[in-house]
Amino acid sequence: MLDLPCPTMSYVLLLVLSLSAIGAVRFVIDTRRAYAGITGNSTILPSPLGDIEFTRGGTGVPVLVIHGSGGGYDQGALIAQAILGEGFDWIAPSRFGYLRSTFHQGATFDHQAEAYAHLLDHLGLKKVSVLALSHGGPSALLFAVRYPERVSSLILLSCGVASSSDASQAGASQKGDVLTAIFKFEVLYWFARKFLRKQLMQLMGAGESVIAALTPEQKILVNQVIDDMAPVAPRYVGVAFDNKAAMPNERVAAVRAPTLIIHATDDALQLFRHAEYASAHIPGARLVSFDRGGHLLLAVEQSAIQEEVRRFILAHADR
């Protein structure tokens, strides 16, 4: 005799199928919206190093804004708007492997520094201040090392600087590996940002106490950073490169630009030792540390960071 499923099992199966269908539709809609958000807002500059994507905004003192892992020109624009405000002419490129900027096998952060120089030549800018976030730090540092005459000041915000094999680095490296794996699949990042946002923030280097204490205004900025990293597919190559590329290490001692280092002591992704290393090796560097904020420091201490950065850039703009 044929066994027919009981009504309860049928209802459960129907519910699962319905929720799956709703989720699939929601994923498609959100992904299309994410792709629309990165379309038509940037310029492509062909160069010997490949295509360089960038956007530009504002007027005033020129600032090259370099995004972190998972970003692109759009994250650079968000950083500029959150920190610089009025009075600055900001240029935000997409680094190699992000969005429409070309990635070549064998590329290094040195090559990325060359791409910045080519972009500034195209724009007719001889000297800029450089503002870098997170893994935008390595190429920003090497740009300052290789083109000292073009950097009026350098600001490192929660930046990676040097490699390490100590035990404390293992946990941070594991977070980087997991984030890279999530970025490999659009649906995984979509699921994480929709249903596991707190866990995603923890992977991004913020502790539970920092997340719990976020104000509504801070949550808006954090959520914008997270949501604007979608779509992840056109950023994955860049993320994978960042996760494994060689850091500047002792080469940072050759930086001669006035340097401001801003970092949280509880950053669990780019550990505070990066800030200490930069402060110890870059001549005359100034370190501003915060006791809390993790790798979400930009949102947690936005006003204080904005004041520090603006004052520092303007103080050295005529150098």
C-alpha atoms as a PDB file:
ATOM      1  CA  MET A   1       0.000   0.000   0.000  1.00  0.00           C
ATOM      2  CA  LEU A   2       1.298   3.503  -0.897  1.00  0.00           C
ATOM      3  CA  ASP A   3       2.099   5.609   2.190  1.00  0.00           C
ATOM      4  CA  LEU A   4       0.878   9.175   1.789  1.00  0.00           C
ATOM      5  CA  PRO A   5       2.514  11.973   3.784  1.00  0.00           C
ATOM      6  CA  CYS A   6       0.523  13.142   6.776  1.00  0.00           C
ATOM      7  CA  PRO A   7      -1.097  16.606   6.536  1.00  0.00           C
ATOM      8  CA  THR A   8       1.366  18.111   9.056  1.00  0.00           C
ATOM      9  CA  MET A   9       4.397  17.025   7.009  1.00  0.00           C
ATOM     10  CA  SER A  10       2.775  18.366   3.857  1.00  0.00           C
ATOM     11  CA  TYR A  11       2.224  21.755   5.475  1.00  0.00           C
ATOM     12  CA  VAL A  12       5.833  21.855   6.705  1.00  0.00           C
ATOM     13  CA  LEU A  13       7.125  20.962   3.261  1.00  0.00           C
ATOM     14  CA  LEU A  14       4.905  23.594   1.651  1.00  0.00           C
ATOM     15  CA  LEU A  15       6.121  26.196   4.164  1.00  0.00           C
ATOM     16  CA  VAL A  16       9.782  25.368   3.501  1.00  0.00           C
ATOM     17  CA  LEU A  17       9.276  25.557  -0.252  1.00  0.00           C
ATOM     18  CA  SER A  18       7.405  28.849   0.070  1.00  0.00           C
ATOM     19  CA  LEU A  19      10.076  30.411   2.259  1.00  0.00           C
ATOM     20  CA  SER A  20      12.784  29.201  -0.109  1.00  0.00           C
ATOM     21  CA  ALA A  21      10.967  30.750  -3.053  1.00  0.00           C
ATOM     22  CA  ILE A  22      10.492  34.034  -1.182  1.00  0.00           C
ATOM     23  CA  GLY A  23      14.166  34.034  -0.201  1.00  0.00           C
ATOM     24  CA  ALA A  24      15.249  33.381  -3.787  1.00  0.00           C
ATOM     25  CA  VAL A  25      13.110  36.249  -5.075  1.00  0.00           C
ATOM     26  CA  ARG A  26      14.422  38.569  -2.350  1.00  0.00           C
ATOM     27  CA  PHE A  27      18.011  37.590  -3.176  1.00  0.00           C
ATOM     28  CA  VAL A  28      17.504  38.350  -6.870  1.00  0.00           C
ATOM     29  CA  ILE A  29      15.869  41.719  -6.149  1.00  0.00           C
ATOM     30  CA  ASP A  30      18.560  42.751  -3.650  1.00  0.00           C
ATOM     31  CA  THR A  31      21.377  41.665  -5.965  1.00  0.00           C
ATOM     32  CA  ARG A  32      19.945  43.584  -8.906  1.00  0.00           C
ATOM     33  CA  ARG A  33      19.631  46.645  -6.685  1.00  0.00           C
ATOM     34  CA  ALA A  34      23.245  46.248  -5.548  1.00  0.00           C
ATOM     35  CA  TYR A  35      24.521  46.065  -9.135  1.00  0.00           C
ATOM     36  CA  ALA A  36      22.450  49.115 -10.045  1.00  0.00           C
ATOM     37  CA  GLY A  37      24.147  50.980  -7.195  1.00  0.00           C
ATOM     38  CA  ILE A  38      27.610  50.573  -8.744  1.00  0.00           C
ATOM     39  CA  THR A  39      26.539  51.426 -12.278  1.00  0.00           C
ATOM     40  CA  GLY A  40      27.062  54.824 -13.877  1.00  0.00           C
ATOM     41  CA  ASN A  41      28.764  56.499 -10.922  1.00  0.00           C
ATOM     42  CA  SER A  42      32.417  56.102 -11.855  1.00  0.00           C
ATOM     43  CA  THR A  43      34.947  56.768 -14.612  1.00  0.00           C
ATOM     44  CA  ILE A  44      37.339  54.299 -16.227  1.00  0.00           C
ATOM     45  CA  LEU A  45      40.900  55.417 -17.007  1.00  0.00           C
ATOM     46  CA  PRO A  46      42.851  53.054 -19.307  1.00  0.00           C
ATOM     47  CA  SER A  47      46.494  52.793 -18.281  1.00  0.00           C
ATOM     48  CA  PRO A  48      49.567  50.593 -18.827  1.00  0.00           C
ATOM     49  CA  LEU A  49      48.577  48.917 -15.549  1.00  0.00           C
ATOM     50  CA  GLY A  50      45.061  48.179 -16.764  1.00  0.00           C
ATOM     51  CA  ASP A  51      41.797  50.003 -16.243  1.00  0.00           C
ATOM     52  CA  ILE A  52      41.630  52.284 -13.211  1.00  0.00           C
ATOM     53  CA  GLU A  53      38.128  53.015 -11.970  1.00  0.00           C
ATOM     54  CA  PHE A  54      37.552  56.119  -9.893  1.00  0.00           C
ATOM     55  CA  THR A  55      35.094  58.775  -8.854  1.00  0.00           C
ATOM     56  CA  ARG A  56      35.659  62.326  -7.655  1.00  0.00           C
ATOM     57  CA  GLY A  57      33.759  64.874  -5.622  1.00  0.00           C
ATOM     58  CA  GLY A  58      33.992  68.108  -3.683  1.00  0.00           C
ATOM     59  CA  THR A  59      36.287  71.089  -4.122  1.00  0.00           C
ATOM     60  CA  GLY A  60      39.274  72.309  -2.181  1.00  0.00           C
ATOM     61  CA  VAL A  61      42.367  70.525  -0.881  1.00  0.00           C
ATOM     62  CA  PRO A  62      42.964  67.357  -2.955  1.00  0.00           C
ATOM     63  CA  VAL A  63      42.764  64.053  -1.055  1.00  0.00           C
ATOM     64  CA  LEU A  64      43.315  60.567  -2.441  1.00  0.00           C
ATOM     65  CA  VAL A  65      40.933  58.271  -0.532  1.00  0.00           C
ATOM     66  CA  ILE A  66      41.847  54.575  -0.544  1.00  0.00           C
ATOM     67  CA  HIS A  67      39.224  51.999   0.423  1.00  0.00           C
ATOM     68  CA  GLY A  68      39.598  48.872   2.517  1.00  0.00           C
ATOM     69  CA  SER A  69      38.936  45.211   1.754  1.00  0.00           C
ATOM     70  CA  GLY A  70      35.480  44.594   0.359  1.00  0.00           C
ATOM     71  CA  GLY A  71      35.252  48.155  -0.882  1.00  0.00           C
ATOM     72  CA  GLY A  72      35.721  49.982  -4.152  1.00  0.00           C
ATOM     73  CA  TYR A  73      35.329  53.546  -5.376  1.00  0.00           C
ATOM     74  CA  ASP A  74      31.926  53.589  -3.661  1.00  0.00           C
ATOM     75  CA  GLN A  75      33.422  52.849  -0.248  1.00  0.00           C
ATOM     76  CA  GLY A  76      36.043  55.521  -0.899  1.00  0.00           C
ATOM     77  CA  ALA A  77      33.277  58.018  -1.580  1.00  0.00           C
ATOM     78  CA  LEU A  78      31.530  56.965   1.643  1.00  0.00           C
ATOM     79  CA  ILE A  79      34.756  57.479   3.628  1.00  0.00           C
ATOM     80  CA  ALA A  80      35.222  60.915   2.065  1.00  0.00           C
ATOM     81  CA  GLN A  81      31.686  61.976   2.895  1.00  0.00           C
ATOM     82  CA  ALA A  82      31.858  60.587   6.442  1.00  0.00           C
ATOM     83  CA  ILE A  83      35.236  62.095   7.347  1.00  0.00           C
ATOM     84  CA  LEU A  84      36.182  64.962   5.066  1.00  0.00           C
ATOM     85  CA  GLY A  85      32.976  66.870   4.470  1.00  0.00           C
ATOM     86  CA  GLU A  86      33.202  70.237   2.719  1.00  0.00           C
ATOM     87  CA  GLY A  87      36.413  71.900   1.563  1.00  0.00           C
ATOM     88  CA  PHE A  88      38.137  68.898   0.020  1.00  0.00           C
ATOM     89  CA  ASP A  89      38.542  67.650  -3.537  1.00  0.00           C
ATOM     90  CA  TRP A  90      38.522  63.905  -3.027  1.00  0.00           C
ATOM     91  CA  ILE A  91      39.487  61.198  -5.495  1.00  0.00           C
ATOM     92  CA  ALA A  92      38.364  57.645  -4.747  1.00  0.00           C
ATOM     93  CA  PRO A  93      39.746  54.846  -6.953  1.00  0.00           C
ATOM     94  CA  SER A  94      38.825  51.183  -6.934  1.00  0.00           C
ATOM     95  CA  ARG A  95      41.946  49.182  -6.147  1.00  0.00           C
ATOM     96  CA  PHE A  96      43.085  46.241  -8.302  1.00  0.00           C
ATOM     97  CA  GLY A  97      40.452  43.504  -8.489  1.00  0.00           C
ATOM     98  CA  TYR A  98      37.651  45.702  -7.205  1.00  0.00           C
ATOM     99  CA  LEU A  99      34.652  46.440  -9.398  1.00  0.00           C
ATOM    100  CA  ARG A 100      35.974  47.612 -12.781  1.00  0.00           C
ATOM    101  CA  SER A 101      39.652  48.092 -11.939  1.00  0.00           C
ATOM    102  CA  THR A 102      41.843  45.497 -13.651  1.00  0.00           C
ATOM    103  CA  PHE A 103      43.669  42.822 -11.704  1.00  0.00           C
ATOM    104  CA  HIS A 104      46.730  41.158 -13.238  1.00  0.00           C
ATOM    105  CA  GLN A 105      48.310  37.992 -11.909  1.00  0.00           C
ATOM    106  CA  GLY A 106      51.493  38.922 -10.121  1.00  0.00           C
ATOM    107  CA  ALA A 107      50.159  42.324  -9.067  1.00  0.00           C
ATOM    108  CA  THR A 108      51.563  43.829  -5.873  1.00  0.00           C
ATOM    109  CA  PHE A 109      50.832  46.814  -3.676  1.00  0.00           C
ATOM    110  CA  ASP A 110      53.774  48.494  -5.411  1.00  0.00           C
ATOM    111  CA  HIS A 111      51.930  48.206  -8.713  1.00  0.00           C
ATOM    112  CA  GLN A 112      48.857  49.695  -7.067  1.00  0.00           C
ATOM    113  CA  ALA A 113      50.975  52.651  -5.924  1.00  0.00           C
ATOM    114  CA  GLU A 114      52.060  53.149  -9.533  1.00  0.00           C
ATOM    115  CA  ALA A 115      48.412  53.162 -10.569  1.00  0.00           C
ATOM    116  CA  TYR A 116      47.693  55.977  -8.107  1.00  0.00           C
ATOM    117  CA  ALA A 117      50.511  58.027  -9.650  1.00  0.00           C
ATOM    118  CA  HIS A 118      49.112  57.431 -13.133  1.00  0.00           C
ATOM    119  CA  LEU A 119      45.636  58.493 -11.987  1.00  0.00           C
ATOM    120  CA  LEU A 120      46.949  61.707 -10.434  1.00  0.00           C
ATOM    121  CA  ASP A 121      48.926  62.472 -13.601  1.00  0.00           C
ATOM    122  CA  HIS A 122      45.728  62.099 -15.600  1.00  0.00           C
ATOM    123  CA  LEU A 123      43.910  64.464 -13.241  1.00  0.00           C
ATOM    124  CA  GLY A 124      46.742  66.995 -13.267  1.00  0.00           C
ATOM    125  CA  LEU A 125      47.364  66.718  -9.525  1.00  0.00           C
ATOM    126  CA  LYS A 126      50.992  67.016  -8.452  1.00  0.00           C
ATOM    127  CA  LYS A 127      50.476  66.540  -4.713  1.00  0.00           C
ATOM    128  CA  VAL A 128      47.678  65.171  -2.540  1.00  0.00           C
ATOM    129  CA  SER A 129      46.936  64.150   0.986  1.00  0.00           C
ATOM    130  CA  VAL A 130      46.322  60.408   1.261  1.00  0.00           C
ATOM    131  CA  LEU A 131      43.597  58.951   3.484  1.00  0.00           C
ATOM    132  CA  ALA A 132      43.495  55.152   3.731  1.00  0.00           C
ATOM    133  CA  LEU A 133      41.171  52.777   5.552  1.00  0.00           C
ATOM    134  CA  SER A 134      42.030  49.252   6.727  1.00  0.00           C
ATOM    135  CA  HIS A 135      43.656  47.265   3.902  1.00  0.00           C
ATOM    136  CA  GLY A 136      43.973  50.411   1.867  1.00  0.00           C
ATOM    137  CA  GLY A 137      46.961  51.045   4.118  1.00  0.00           C
ATOM    138  CA  PRO A 138      49.642  48.949   2.369  1.00  0.00           C
ATOM    139  CA  SER A 139      49.308  50.606  -1.036  1.00  0.00           C
ATOM    140  CA  ALA A 140      48.949  54.047   0.575  1.00  0.00           C
ATOM    141  CA  LEU A 141      52.183  53.531   2.500  1.00  0.00           C
ATOM    142  CA  LEU A 142      54.046  52.348  -0.582  1.00  0.00           C
ATOM    143  CA  PHE A 143      52.712  55.295  -2.575  1.00  0.00           C
ATOM    144  CA  ALA A 144      54.193  57.591   0.085  1.00  0.00           C
ATOM    145  CA  VAL A 145      57.466  55.636  -0.024  1.00  0.00           C
ATOM    146  CA  ARG A 146      57.807  55.651  -3.798  1.00  0.00           C
ATOM    147  CA  TYR A 147      56.422  59.114  -4.545  1.00  0.00           C
ATOM    148  CA  PRO A 148      57.353  61.272  -1.537  1.00  0.00           C
ATOM    149  CA  GLU A 149      57.108  64.470  -3.576  1.00  0.00           C
ATOM    150  CA  ARG A 150      53.428  63.762  -4.262  1.00  0.00           C
ATOM    151  CA  VAL A 151      52.209  63.242  -0.689  1.00  0.00           C
ATOM    152  CA  SER A 152      51.539  66.278   1.498  1.00  0.00           C
ATOM    153  CA  SER A 153      50.266  64.130   4.375  1.00  0.00           C
ATOM    154  CA  LEU A 154      49.308  60.527   5.073  1.00  0.00           C
ATOM    155  CA  ILE A 155      46.450  59.358   7.302  1.00  0.00           C
ATOM    156  CA  LEU A 156      46.129  55.689   8.271  1.00  0.00           C
ATOM    157  CA  LEU A 157      42.719  54.800   9.712  1.00  0.00           C
ATOM    158  CA  SER A 158      42.572  51.290  11.211  1.00  0.00           C
ATOM    159  CA  CYS A 159      45.169  50.223   8.644  1.00  0.00           C
ATOM    160  CA  GLY A 160      47.187  47.094   8.080  1.00  0.00           C
ATOM    161  CA  VAL A 161      50.913  47.790   8.008  1.00  0.00           C
ATOM    162  CA  ALA A 162      53.108  44.794   8.802  1.00  0.00           C
ATOM    163  CA  SER A 163      52.863  41.013   8.844  1.00  0.00           C
ATOM    164  CA  SER A 164      53.268  38.976  12.019  1.00  0.00           C
ATOM    165  CA  SER A 165      53.496  35.358  13.082  1.00  0.00           C
ATOM    166  CA  ASP A 166      52.627  35.854  16.742  1.00  0.00           C
ATOM    167  CA  ALA A 167      49.719  34.051  18.382  1.00  0.00           C
ATOM    168  CA  SER A 168      47.466  37.119  18.565  1.00  0.00           C
ATOM    169  CA  GLN A 169      47.561  37.462  14.795  1.00  0.00           C
ATOM    170  CA  ALA A 170      46.150  33.965  14.245  1.00  0.00           C
ATOM    171  CA  GLY A 171      42.619  34.963  15.290  1.00  0.00           C
ATOM    172  CA  ALA A 172      42.633  38.059  13.107  1.00  0.00           C
ATOM    173  CA  SER A 173      43.948  36.064  10.137  1.00  0.00           C
ATOM    174  CA  GLN A 174      41.189  33.498  10.639  1.00  0.00           C
ATOM    175  CA  LYS A 175      38.590  36.274  10.478  1.00  0.00           C
ATOM    176  CA  GLY A 176      40.152  37.444   7.221  1.00  0.00           C
ATOM    177  CA  ASP A 177      40.012  33.927   5.795  1.00  0.00           C
ATOM    178  CA  VAL A 178      36.329  33.514   6.709  1.00  0.00           C
ATOM    179  CA  LEU A 179      35.405  36.907   5.249  1.00  0.00           C
ATOM    180  CA  THR A 180      37.250  36.018   2.034  1.00  0.00           C
ATOM    181  CA  ALA A 181      35.323  32.742   1.806  1.00  0.00           C
ATOM    182  CA  ILE A 182      31.995  34.541   2.309  1.00  0.00           C
ATOM    183  CA  PHE A 183      32.864  37.068  -0.389  1.00  0.00           C
ATOM    184  CA  LYS A 184      33.408  34.282  -2.886  1.00  0.00           C
ATOM    185  CA  PHE A 185      29.673  33.594  -3.138  1.00  0.00           C
ATOM    186  CA  GLU A 186      27.097  36.333  -3.597  1.00  0.00           C
ATOM    187  CA  VAL A 187      24.380  34.348  -1.866  1.00  0.00           C
ATOM    188  CA  LEU A 188      26.554  33.759   1.223  1.00  0.00           C
ATOM    189  CA  TYR A 189      27.237  37.440   1.721  1.00  0.00           C
ATOM    190  CA  TRP A 190      23.593  38.247   1.080  1.00  0.00           C
ATOM    191  CA  PHE A 191      22.519  35.714   3.714  1.00  0.00           C
ATOM    192  CA  ALA A 192      25.107  36.993   6.204  1.00  0.00           C
ATOM    193  CA  ARG A 193      24.140  40.640   5.872  1.00  0.00           C
ATOM    194  CA  LYS A 194      20.424  39.858   6.008  1.00  0.00           C
ATOM    195  CA  PHE A 195      20.277  37.317   8.827  1.00  0.00           C
ATOM    196  CA  LEU A 196      23.692  37.228  10.550  1.00  0.00           C
ATOM    197  CA  ARG A 197      24.598  40.897  10.689  1.00  0.00           C
ATOM    198  CA  LYS A 198      25.906  40.804  14.251  1.00  0.00           C
ATOM    199  CA  GLN A 199      28.153  37.851  13.459  1.00  0.00           C
ATOM    200  CA  LEU A 200      29.323  39.656  10.320  1.00  0.00           C
ATOM    201  CA  MET A 201      30.272  42.705  12.399  1.00  0.00           C
ATOM    202  CA  GLN A 202      32.253  40.434  14.718  1.00  0.00           C
ATOM    203  CA  LEU A 203      34.115  38.980  11.741  1.00  0.00           C
ATOM    204  CA  MET A 204      34.815  42.564  10.711  1.00  0.00           C
ATOM    205  CA  GLY A 205      36.693  43.128  13.943  1.00  0.00           C
ATOM    206  CA  ALA A 206      34.129  44.512  16.395  1.00  0.00           C
ATOM    207  CA  GLY A 207      33.523  43.017  19.834  1.00  0.00           C
ATOM    208  CA  GLU A 208      30.093  42.310  21.278  1.00  0.00           C
ATOM    209  CA  SER A 209      30.266  45.292  23.637  1.00  0.00           C
ATOM    210  CA  VAL A 210      31.032  47.663  20.761  1.00  0.00           C
ATOM    211  CA  ILE A 211      28.156  46.300  18.688  1.00  0.00           C
ATOM    212  CA  ALA A 212      25.712  46.464  21.612  1.00  0.00           C
ATOM    213  CA  ALA A 213      26.614  50.093  22.325  1.00  0.00           C
ATOM    214  CA  LEU A 214      26.146  51.385  18.776  1.00  0.00           C
ATOM    215  CA  THR A 215      23.790  54.371  18.661  1.00  0.00           C
ATOM    216  CA  PRO A 216      21.111  54.613  15.943  1.00  0.00           C
ATOM    217  CA  GLU A 217      23.299  57.086  14.031  1.00  0.00           C
ATOM    218  CA  GLN A 218      26.335  54.821  14.265  1.00  0.00           C
ATOM    219  CA  LYS A 219      24.287  51.831  13.116  1.00  0.00           C
ATOM    220  CA  ILE A 220      23.250  53.735   9.995  1.00  0.00           C
ATOM    221  CA  LEU A 221      26.880  54.218   8.960  1.00  0.00           C
ATOM    222  CA  VAL A 222      27.877  50.647   9.854  1.00  0.00           C
ATOM    223  CA  ASN A 223      24.910  49.241   7.934  1.00  0.00           C
ATOM    224  CA  GLN A 224      25.766  51.416   4.953  1.00  0.00           C
ATOM    225  CA  VAL A 225      29.308  50.060   4.911  1.00  0.00           C
ATOM    226  CA  ILE A 226      28.034  46.479   5.103  1.00  0.00           C
ATOM    227  CA  ASP A 227      25.277  46.888   2.518  1.00  0.00           C
ATOM    228  CA  ASP A 228      27.479  48.840   0.119  1.00  0.00           C
ATOM    229  CA  MET A 229      29.944  45.944  -0.096  1.00  0.00           C
ATOM    230  CA  ALA A 230      27.277  44.150  -2.129  1.00  0.00           C
ATOM    231  CA  PRO A 231      27.556  42.972  -4.799  1.00  0.00           C
ATOM    232  CA  VAL A 232      30.621  41.019  -3.700  1.00  0.00           C
ATOM    233  CA  ALA A 233      31.264  39.059  -6.897  1.00  0.00           C
ATOM    234  CA  PRO A 234      33.020  41.974  -8.682  1.00  0.00           C
ATOM    235  CA  ARG A 235      35.110  42.606  -5.536  1.00  0.00           C
ATOM    236  CA  TYR A 236      36.176  39.064  -4.699  1.00  0.00           C
ATOM    237  CA  VAL A 237      39.461  39.042  -6.644  1.00  0.00           C
ATOM    238  CA  GLY A 238      40.546  42.159  -4.787  1.00  0.00           C
ATOM    239  CA  VAL A 239      39.535  40.715  -1.420  1.00  0.00           C
ATOM    240  CA  ALA A 240      41.444  37.485  -2.091  1.00  0.00           C
ATOM    241  CA  PHE A 241      44.509  39.506  -3.138  1.00  0.00           C
ATOM    242  CA  ASP A 242      44.370  41.654  -0.001  1.00  0.00           C
ATOM    243  CA  ASN A 243      44.132  38.585   2.191  1.00  0.00           C
ATOM    244  CA  LYS A 244      47.408  37.098   0.936  1.00  0.00           C
ATOM    245  CA  ALA A 245      49.527  39.952  -0.484  1.00  0.00           C
ATOM    246  CA  ALA A 246      52.834  40.916   1.134  1.00  0.00           C
ATOM    247  CA  MET A 247      52.668  43.814   3.584  1.00  0.00           C
ATOM    248  CA  PRO A 248      55.043  46.811   3.460  1.00  0.00           C
ATOM    249  CA  ASN A 249      56.711  45.880   6.768  1.00  0.00           C
ATOM    250  CA  GLU A 250      60.039  47.638   7.361  1.00  0.00           C
ATOM    251  CA  ARG A 251      59.722  49.650   4.146  1.00  0.00           C
ATOM    252  CA  VAL A 252      57.429  52.064   5.977  1.00  0.00           C
ATOM    253  CA  ALA A 253      60.531  53.554   7.606  1.00  0.00           C
ATOM    254  CA  ALA A 254      61.121  55.356   4.292  1.00  0.00           C
ATOM    255  CA  VAL A 255      57.877  57.368   4.587  1.00  0.00           C
ATOM    256  CA  ARG A 256      58.743  61.060   4.869  1.00  0.00           C
ATOM    257  CA  ALA A 257      55.278  62.597   4.703  1.00  0.00           C
ATOM    258  CA  PRO A 258      53.686  63.849   7.925  1.00  0.00           C
ATOM    259  CA  THR A 259      51.720  60.824   9.103  1.00  0.00           C
ATOM    260  CA  LEU A 260      48.661  60.517  11.317  1.00  0.00           C
ATOM    261  CA  ILE A 261      47.765  57.053  12.621  1.00  0.00           C
ATOM    262  CA  ILE A 262      44.281  56.453  14.048  1.00  0.00           C
ATOM    263  CA  HIS A 263      43.437  53.081  15.546  1.00  0.00           C
ATOM    264  CA  ALA A 264      41.359  51.370  18.227  1.00  0.00           C
ATOM    265  CA  THR A 265      43.194  49.276  20.787  1.00  0.00           C
ATOM    266  CA  ASP A 266      40.390  46.663  20.638  1.00  0.00           C
ATOM    267  CA  ASP A 267      40.455  46.221  16.848  1.00  0.00           C
ATOM    268  CA  ALA A 268      40.184  42.459  16.295  1.00  0.00           C
ATOM    269  CA  LEU A 269      40.745  42.476  12.525  1.00  0.00           C
ATOM    270  CA  GLN A 270      43.620  44.919  11.991  1.00  0.00           C
ATOM    271  CA  LEU A 271      45.236  44.564  15.396  1.00  0.00           C
ATOM    272  CA  PHE A 272      46.534  47.590  17.289  1.00  0.00           C
ATOM    273  CA  ARG A 273      50.075  46.333  16.783  1.00  0.00           C
ATOM    274  CA  HIS A 274      49.814  47.685  13.217  1.00  0.00           C
ATOM    275  CA  ALA A 275      49.418  51.193  14.608  1.00  0.00           C
ATOM    276  CA  GLU A 276      52.253  50.652  17.071  1.00  0.00           C
ATOM    277  CA  TYR A 277      54.508  49.360  14.307  1.00  0.00           C
ATOM    278  CA  ALA A 278      53.756  52.323  12.059  1.00  0.00           C
ATOM    279  CA  SER A 279      54.243  54.774  14.908  1.00  0.00           C
ATOM    280  CA  ALA A 280      57.603  53.221  15.828  1.00  0.00           C
ATOM    281  CA  HIS A 281      58.965  53.042  12.271  1.00  0.00           C
ATOM    282  CA  ILE A 282      57.632  56.125  10.437  1.00  0.00           C
ATOM    283  CA  PRO A 283      59.699  59.171  11.401  1.00  0.00           C
ATOM    284  CA  GLY A 284      57.626  61.760  13.260  1.00  0.00           C
ATOM    285  CA  ALA A 285      54.364  59.841  12.968  1.00  0.00           C
ATOM    286  CA  ARG A 286      51.574  60.826  15.347  1.00  0.00           C
ATOM    287  CA  LEU A 287      49.410  58.095  16.867  1.00  0.00           C
ATOM    288  CA  VAL A 288      45.867  58.789  18.057  1.00  0.00           C
ATOM    289  CA  SER A 289      44.403  55.747  19.799  1.00  0.00           C
ATOM    290  CA  PHE A 290      40.908  54.972  21.057  1.00  0.00           C
ATOM    291  CA  ASP A 291      40.124  52.412  23.738  1.00  0.00           C
ATOM    292  CA  ARG A 292      37.031  51.078  22.003  1.00  0.00           C
ATOM    293  CA  GLY A 293      35.509  50.913  18.561  1.00  0.00           C
ATOM    294  CA  GLY A 294      37.198  47.858  17.093  1.00  0.00           C
ATOM    295  CA  HIS A 295      37.384  47.841  13.332  1.00  0.00           C
ATOM    296  CA  LEU A 296      34.161  49.874  13.299  1.00  0.00           C
ATOM    297  CA  LEU A 297      36.080  52.828  14.735  1.00  0.00           C
ATOM    298  CA  LEU A 298      35.104  55.068  11.810  1.00  0.00           C
ATOM    299  CA  ALA A 299      31.460  54.860  12.895  1.00  0.00           C
ATOM    300  CA  VAL A 300      32.014  54.778  16.659  1.00  0.00           C
ATOM    301  CA  GLU A 301      34.280  57.851  16.775  1.00  0.00           C
ATOM    302  CA  GLN A 302      33.227  59.586  13.569  1.00  0.00           C
ATOM    303  CA  SER A 303      33.168  63.147  14.951  1.00  0.00           C
ATOM    304  CA  ALA A 304      36.514  62.876  16.723  1.00  0.00           C
ATOM    305  CA  ILE A 305      38.144  61.281  13.679  1.00  0.00           C
ATOM    306  CA  GLN A 306      36.703  63.894  11.359  1.00  0.00           C
ATOM    307  CA  GLU A 307      38.172  66.683  13.489  1.00  0.00           C
ATOM    308  CA  GLU A 308      41.605  65.041  13.712  1.00  0.00           C
ATOM    309  CA  VAL A 309      41.800  64.259  10.006  1.00  0.00           C
ATOM    310  CA  ARG A 310      40.577  67.607   8.721  1.00  0.00           C
ATOM    311  CA  ARG A 311      42.921  69.536  11.005  1.00  0.00           C
ATOM    312  CA  PHE A 312      45.895  67.350  10.048  1.00  0.00           C
ATOM    313  CA  ILE A 313      45.308  67.630   6.303  1.00  0.00           C
ATOM    314  CA  LEU A 314      44.854  71.386   6.409  1.00  0.00           C
ATOM    315  CA  ALA A 315      47.937  71.880   8.599  1.00  0.00           C
ATOM    316  CA  HIS A 316      50.125  70.235   5.944  1.00  0.00           C
ATOM    317  CA  ALA A 317      48.271  71.228   2.779  1.00  0.00           C
ATOM    318  CA  ASP A 318      50.843  73.906   1.832  1.00  0.00           C
ATOM    319  CA  ARG A 319      53.878  71.823   2.722  1.00  0.00           C
END
